[in-house]
Amino acid sequence: MNNKNKKILKEIFEEPTKSDIKWVDIENLVKNLGGVIIQARGSRTVFKIGETTNVFHRPHPKPDTNKLTVRDIRDFLERAGITPEKD
């Protein structure tokens, strides 16, 4: 995992929850983790890592992900067994 992906993973797990994480950075992180991203109808996007699957709504018109979606992505990553490295 490159440094940018490590940074994004840490930001997803930060408290208080951030609301300025770019959606494209989250998609790149999931792909880098071996995940699959499927564009569904409208703004729905399916993320799959291993056997863990979740549907998210891609933000629009702005590229930033809101706090609720960041929390849901954090939960998805935890269920997939992915957490940031401890410093």
N, C-alpha and C. Protein backbone atom coordinates (compact mmCIF):
# COMPACT_ATOMS: atom_id res chain seq x y z
N MET A 1 0.86 -1.17 0.00
CA MET A 1 0.00 0.00 0.00
C MET A 1 0.91 1.24 0.00
N ASN A 2 0.63 2.18 -0.90
CA ASN A 2 1.47 3.37 -0.96
C ASN A 2 1.11 4.35 0.16
N ASN A 3 1.92 5.38 0.31
CA ASN A 3 1.73 6.33 1.41
C ASN A 3 0.39 7.07 1.34
N LYS A 4 -0.06 7.40 0.13
CA LYS A 4 -1.34 8.10 0.00
C LYS A 4 -2.48 7.22 0.50
N ASN A 5 -2.46 5.93 0.14
CA ASN A 5 -3.51 5.02 0.59
C ASN A 5 -3.46 4.83 2.11
N LYS A 6 -2.25 4.77 2.68
CA LYS A 6 -2.13 4.67 4.14
C LYS A 6 -2.73 5.90 4.81
N LYS A 7 -2.49 7.07 4.22
CA LYS A 7 -3.02 8.33 4.76
C LYS A 7 -4.55 8.33 4.70
N ILE A 8 -5.12 7.90 3.58
CA ILE A 8 -6.58 7.86 3.44
C ILE A 8 -7.18 6.88 4.44
N LEU A 9 -6.56 5.71 4.61
CA LEU A 9 -7.05 4.73 5.58
C LEU A 9 -7.05 5.32 6.98
N LYS A 10 -5.99 6.01 7.36
CA LYS A 10 -5.93 6.65 8.68
C LYS A 10 -7.03 7.70 8.82
N GLU A 11 -7.24 8.50 7.75
CA GLU A 11 -8.27 9.54 7.81
C GLU A 11 -9.66 8.94 7.98
N ILE A 12 -9.93 7.81 7.37
CA ILE A 12 -11.23 7.16 7.51
C ILE A 12 -11.49 6.76 8.96
N PHE A 13 -10.45 6.39 9.68
CA PHE A 13 -10.59 5.93 11.06
C PHE A 13 -10.41 7.04 12.09
N GLU A 14 -10.14 8.27 11.67
CA GLU A 14 -9.93 9.38 12.61
C GLU A 14 -11.22 9.74 13.34
N GLU A 15 -11.04 10.21 14.56
CA GLU A 15 -12.13 10.79 15.34
C GLU A 15 -11.72 12.21 15.69
N PRO A 16 -12.55 13.20 15.54
CA PRO A 16 -13.89 13.13 14.97
C PRO A 16 -13.84 12.77 13.48
N THR A 17 -14.94 12.23 13.01
CA THR A 17 -15.01 11.75 11.62
C THR A 17 -14.84 12.92 10.65
N LYS A 18 -14.00 12.69 9.65
CA LYS A 18 -13.74 13.71 8.64
C LYS A 18 -14.85 13.73 7.59
N SER A 19 -15.02 14.88 6.97
CA SER A 19 -16.03 15.00 5.92
C SER A 19 -15.43 15.56 4.63
N ASP A 20 -14.11 15.53 4.52
CA ASP A 20 -13.48 16.10 3.32
C ASP A 20 -12.60 15.09 2.59
N ILE A 21 -12.91 13.81 2.73
CA ILE A 21 -12.15 12.78 2.03
C ILE A 21 -12.74 12.63 0.64
N LYS A 22 -11.90 12.71 -0.35
CA LYS A 22 -12.34 12.59 -1.74
C LYS A 22 -12.80 11.16 -2.05
N TRP A 23 -13.94 11.05 -2.71
CA TRP A 23 -14.50 9.75 -3.07
C TRP A 23 -13.53 8.93 -3.92
N VAL A 24 -12.88 9.58 -4.87
CA VAL A 24 -11.94 8.88 -5.74
C VAL A 24 -10.79 8.28 -4.93
N ASP A 25 -10.37 8.94 -3.86
CA ASP A 25 -9.31 8.39 -3.01
C ASP A 25 -9.79 7.15 -2.27
N ILE A 26 -11.04 7.14 -1.85
CA ILE A 26 -11.60 5.96 -1.18
C ILE A 26 -11.70 4.79 -2.16
N GLU A 27 -12.15 5.08 -3.39
CA GLU A 27 -12.22 4.03 -4.41
C GLU A 27 -10.83 3.46 -4.69
N ASN A 28 -9.84 4.32 -4.81
CA ASN A 28 -8.47 3.86 -5.06
C ASN A 28 -7.94 3.01 -3.91
N LEU A 29 -8.28 3.37 -2.68
CA LEU A 29 -7.88 2.58 -1.52
C LEU A 29 -8.48 1.19 -1.59
N VAL A 30 -9.78 1.11 -1.86
CA VAL A 30 -10.45 -0.20 -1.92
C VAL A 30 -9.83 -1.06 -3.02
N LYS A 31 -9.58 -0.47 -4.18
CA LYS A 31 -8.94 -1.23 -5.27
C LYS A 31 -7.55 -1.71 -4.86
N ASN A 32 -6.79 -0.85 -4.17
CA ASN A 32 -5.44 -1.20 -3.73
C ASN A 32 -5.46 -2.32 -2.70
N LEU A 33 -6.54 -2.42 -1.95
CA LEU A 33 -6.69 -3.47 -0.95
C LEU A 33 -7.17 -4.78 -1.57
N GLY A 34 -7.28 -4.81 -2.90
CA GLY A 34 -7.74 -6.02 -3.58
C GLY A 34 -9.24 -6.08 -3.75
N GLY A 35 -9.91 -4.97 -3.48
CA GLY A 35 -11.35 -4.93 -3.58
C GLY A 35 -11.84 -4.70 -5.00
N VAL A 36 -13.12 -4.92 -5.17
CA VAL A 36 -13.79 -4.73 -6.45
C VAL A 36 -14.83 -3.64 -6.26
N ILE A 37 -14.94 -2.76 -7.25
CA ILE A 37 -15.93 -1.69 -7.22
C ILE A 37 -16.82 -1.84 -8.44
N ILE A 38 -18.13 -1.89 -8.19
CA ILE A 38 -19.10 -2.05 -9.28
C ILE A 38 -20.05 -0.86 -9.25
N GLN A 39 -20.13 -0.16 -10.38
CA GLN A 39 -21.07 0.95 -10.48
C GLN A 39 -22.45 0.36 -10.72
N ALA A 40 -23.38 0.66 -9.83
CA ALA A 40 -24.75 0.18 -9.97
C ALA A 40 -25.61 1.32 -10.55
N ARG A 41 -26.89 1.24 -10.39
CA ARG A 41 -27.79 2.27 -10.93
C ARG A 41 -27.61 3.59 -10.19
N GLY A 42 -27.69 4.67 -10.94
CA GLY A 42 -27.60 6.00 -10.35
C GLY A 42 -26.24 6.21 -9.69
N SER A 43 -26.28 6.67 -8.45
CA SER A 43 -25.04 6.94 -7.73
C SER A 43 -24.62 5.78 -6.83
N ARG A 44 -25.35 4.67 -6.90
CA ARG A 44 -25.00 3.51 -6.07
C ARG A 44 -23.72 2.86 -6.57
N THR A 45 -22.87 2.54 -5.60
CA THR A 45 -21.59 1.90 -5.89
C THR A 45 -21.42 0.73 -4.93
N VAL A 46 -21.13 -0.45 -5.47
CA VAL A 46 -20.94 -1.64 -4.65
C VAL A 46 -19.44 -1.82 -4.42
N PHE A 47 -19.06 -1.92 -3.14
CA PHE A 47 -17.68 -2.23 -2.76
C PHE A 47 -17.67 -3.67 -2.26
N LYS A 48 -16.66 -4.43 -2.71
CA LYS A 48 -16.51 -5.80 -2.24
C LYS A 48 -15.05 -6.07 -1.97
N ILE A 49 -14.77 -6.52 -0.75
CA ILE A 49 -13.43 -6.97 -0.36
C ILE A 49 -13.62 -8.37 0.23
N GLY A 50 -13.07 -9.36 -0.44
CA GLY A 50 -13.27 -10.74 0.01
C GLY A 50 -14.76 -11.07 -0.04
N GLU A 51 -15.30 -11.52 1.07
CA GLU A 51 -16.73 -11.85 1.16
C GLU A 51 -17.56 -10.69 1.71
N THR A 52 -16.92 -9.59 2.03
CA THR A 52 -17.60 -8.43 2.62
C THR A 52 -18.04 -7.49 1.50
N THR A 53 -19.34 -7.20 1.49
CA THR A 53 -19.91 -6.35 0.44
C THR A 53 -20.77 -5.27 1.08
N ASN A 54 -20.76 -4.08 0.47
CA ASN A 54 -21.62 -3.00 0.93
C ASN A 54 -21.93 -2.09 -0.24
N VAL A 55 -23.08 -1.45 -0.19
CA VAL A 55 -23.50 -0.49 -1.22
C VAL A 55 -23.41 0.90 -0.62
N PHE A 56 -22.76 1.80 -1.35
CA PHE A 56 -22.63 3.19 -0.93
C PHE A 56 -23.16 4.09 -2.04
N HIS A 57 -23.50 5.31 -1.67
CA HIS A 57 -23.92 6.30 -2.66
C HIS A 57 -22.75 7.24 -2.90
N ARG A 58 -22.32 7.27 -4.16
CA ARG A 58 -21.24 8.17 -4.56
C ARG A 58 -21.72 9.61 -4.37
N PRO A 59 -20.88 10.44 -3.73
CA PRO A 59 -21.31 11.83 -3.50
C PRO A 59 -21.38 12.61 -4.82
N HIS A 60 -22.33 13.51 -4.87
CA HIS A 60 -22.44 14.39 -6.03
C HIS A 60 -23.25 15.61 -5.62
N PRO A 61 -23.07 16.76 -6.12
CA PRO A 61 -22.14 17.08 -7.20
C PRO A 61 -20.70 17.27 -6.72
N LYS A 62 -20.49 17.42 -5.42
CA LYS A 62 -19.13 17.63 -4.90
C LYS A 62 -18.42 16.29 -4.75
N PRO A 63 -17.09 16.29 -4.81
CA PRO A 63 -16.34 15.03 -4.74
C PRO A 63 -16.06 14.54 -3.32
N ASP A 64 -16.40 15.34 -2.29
CA ASP A 64 -16.09 14.99 -0.91
C ASP A 64 -17.16 14.07 -0.31
N THR A 65 -16.70 13.12 0.49
CA THR A 65 -17.59 12.17 1.14
C THR A 65 -18.06 12.74 2.48
N ASN A 66 -19.36 12.60 2.78
CA ASN A 66 -19.88 13.14 4.03
C ASN A 66 -19.54 12.23 5.22
N LYS A 67 -19.74 12.75 6.42
CA LYS A 67 -19.35 12.02 7.64
C LYS A 67 -20.06 10.68 7.78
N LEU A 68 -21.34 10.65 7.47
CA LEU A 68 -22.10 9.41 7.60
C LEU A 68 -21.54 8.32 6.69
N THR A 69 -21.22 8.68 5.46
CA THR A 69 -20.66 7.70 4.52
C THR A 69 -19.27 7.27 4.97
N VAL A 70 -18.47 8.19 5.49
CA VAL A 70 -17.14 7.82 6.00
C VAL A 70 -17.29 6.81 7.13
N ARG A 71 -18.25 7.02 8.02
CA ARG A 71 -18.49 6.06 9.12
C ARG A 71 -18.90 4.70 8.56
N ASP A 72 -19.76 4.70 7.55
CA ASP A 72 -20.19 3.44 6.94
C ASP A 72 -19.02 2.73 6.25
N ILE A 73 -18.15 3.48 5.62
CA ILE A 73 -16.97 2.89 4.98
C ILE A 73 -16.03 2.32 6.04
N ARG A 74 -15.88 3.03 7.15
CA ARG A 74 -15.06 2.54 8.28
C ARG A 74 -15.61 1.20 8.76
N ASP A 75 -16.92 1.11 8.93
CA ASP A 75 -17.55 -0.13 9.38
C ASP A 75 -17.32 -1.26 8.36
N PHE A 76 -17.46 -0.94 7.08
CA PHE A 76 -17.23 -1.92 6.02
C PHE A 76 -15.80 -2.44 6.07
N LEU A 77 -14.83 -1.53 6.20
CA LEU A 77 -13.42 -1.94 6.26
C LEU A 77 -13.14 -2.80 7.49
N GLU A 78 -13.72 -2.43 8.64
CA GLU A 78 -13.53 -3.23 9.85
C GLU A 78 -14.09 -4.63 9.67
N ARG A 79 -15.28 -4.74 9.06
CA ARG A 79 -15.88 -6.06 8.82
C ARG A 79 -15.02 -6.89 7.87
N ALA A 80 -14.30 -6.20 6.98
CA ALA A 80 -13.40 -6.90 6.04
C ALA A 80 -12.04 -7.19 6.69
N GLY A 81 -11.88 -6.77 7.94
CA GLY A 81 -10.63 -7.05 8.67
C GLY A 81 -9.52 -6.05 8.37
N ILE A 82 -9.89 -4.85 7.92
CA ILE A 82 -8.90 -3.84 7.56
C ILE A 82 -8.97 -2.67 8.53
N THR A 83 -7.86 -2.38 9.16
CA THR A 83 -7.72 -1.22 10.04
C THR A 83 -6.36 -0.59 9.78
N PRO A 84 -6.20 0.68 10.15
CA PRO A 84 -4.90 1.31 9.92
C PRO A 84 -3.83 0.73 10.84
N GLU A 85 -2.58 0.81 10.38
CA GLU A 85 -1.46 0.35 11.21
C GLU A 85 -1.29 1.30 12.39
N LYS A 86 -0.92 0.76 13.50
CA LYS A 86 -0.65 1.58 14.68
C LYS A 86 0.76 2.14 14.58
N ASP A 87 0.91 3.42 14.93
CA ASP A 87 2.23 4.05 14.89
C ASP A 87 3.05 3.67 16.10
